[in-house]
């Protein structure tokens, strides 16, 4: 059976933790930053875990991650 192809866009957006959970970047930090509080902007810069509901779909996009 041939190897599965990785979706390149997904590979650039997700990484795994040591325990195998998926990490994603947060959105909403590109523009209109003057309206957002410093605390909100600081938290948007930190990575977040992918929700359990989406984890299965993303692992199918990036099988060797």
Protein backbone atom coordinates (compact mmCIF):
# COMPACT_ATOMS: atom_id res chain seq x y z
CA UNK A 1 0.00 0.00 0.00
CA UNK A 2 1.46 3.42 -0.88
CA UNK A 3 2.29 6.04 1.70
CA UNK A 4 -0.44 8.51 2.66
CA UNK A 5 0.13 12.07 1.50
CA UNK A 6 0.32 14.84 4.07
CA UNK A 7 -1.75 17.99 3.50
CA UNK A 8 1.02 20.58 3.36
CA UNK A 9 -1.11 23.46 4.65
CA UNK A 10 -2.02 21.45 7.75
CA UNK A 11 1.57 20.38 8.35
CA UNK A 12 2.64 24.03 8.62
CA UNK A 13 -0.09 24.86 11.13
CA UNK A 14 0.08 22.04 13.67
CA UNK A 15 2.71 20.44 15.90
CA UNK A 16 2.51 17.69 18.48
CA UNK A 17 3.40 17.79 22.15
CA UNK A 18 5.50 15.13 23.83
CA UNK A 19 2.34 13.28 24.86
CA UNK A 20 0.89 13.33 21.33
CA UNK A 21 -1.63 16.16 21.66
CA UNK A 22 -1.90 18.68 18.82
CA UNK A 23 -0.90 22.33 19.21
CA UNK A 24 -2.29 25.18 17.09
CA UNK A 25 -1.68 28.91 16.89
CA UNK A 26 -4.44 31.31 17.94
CA UNK A 27 -6.09 33.68 15.51
CA UNK A 28 -7.19 37.33 15.76
CA UNK A 29 -3.73 38.84 16.18
CA UNK A 30 -3.13 40.37 12.76
CA UNK A 31 -4.88 43.73 12.76
CA UNK A 32 -7.03 46.08 14.86
CA UNK A 33 -4.69 45.47 17.77
CA UNK A 34 -5.15 48.94 19.26
CA UNK A 35 -8.67 47.94 20.36
CA UNK A 36 -7.52 44.82 22.18
CA UNK A 37 -6.15 44.86 25.70
CA UNK A 38 -2.52 44.02 26.40
CA UNK A 39 -3.59 40.91 28.32
CA UNK A 40 -5.69 39.68 25.40
CA UNK A 41 -2.88 40.25 22.90
CA UNK A 42 -0.41 38.48 25.17
CA UNK A 43 -2.61 35.41 25.45
CA UNK A 44 -3.27 35.35 21.69
CA UNK A 45 0.46 34.95 21.11
CA UNK A 46 0.59 31.68 23.03
CA UNK A 47 -0.24 28.35 21.42
CA UNK A 48 -3.39 26.40 22.27
CA UNK A 49 -4.37 22.75 22.18
CA UNK A 50 -6.65 21.50 19.41
CA UNK A 51 -10.07 20.50 20.72
CA UNK A 52 -10.92 16.82 21.06
CA UNK A 53 -13.70 17.16 18.47
CA UNK A 54 -11.25 18.35 15.78
CA UNK A 55 -8.28 16.20 16.70
CA UNK A 56 -9.38 13.17 14.69
CA UNK A 57 -9.86 15.18 11.48
CA UNK A 58 -6.51 16.92 11.76
CA UNK A 59 -4.64 13.68 12.40
CA UNK A 60 -6.11 12.38 9.15
CA UNK A 61 -4.70 15.41 7.30
CA UNK A 62 -1.24 14.95 8.82
CA UNK A 63 -0.80 11.20 9.31
CA UNK A 64 2.93 11.24 10.15
CA UNK A 65 2.90 14.14 12.61
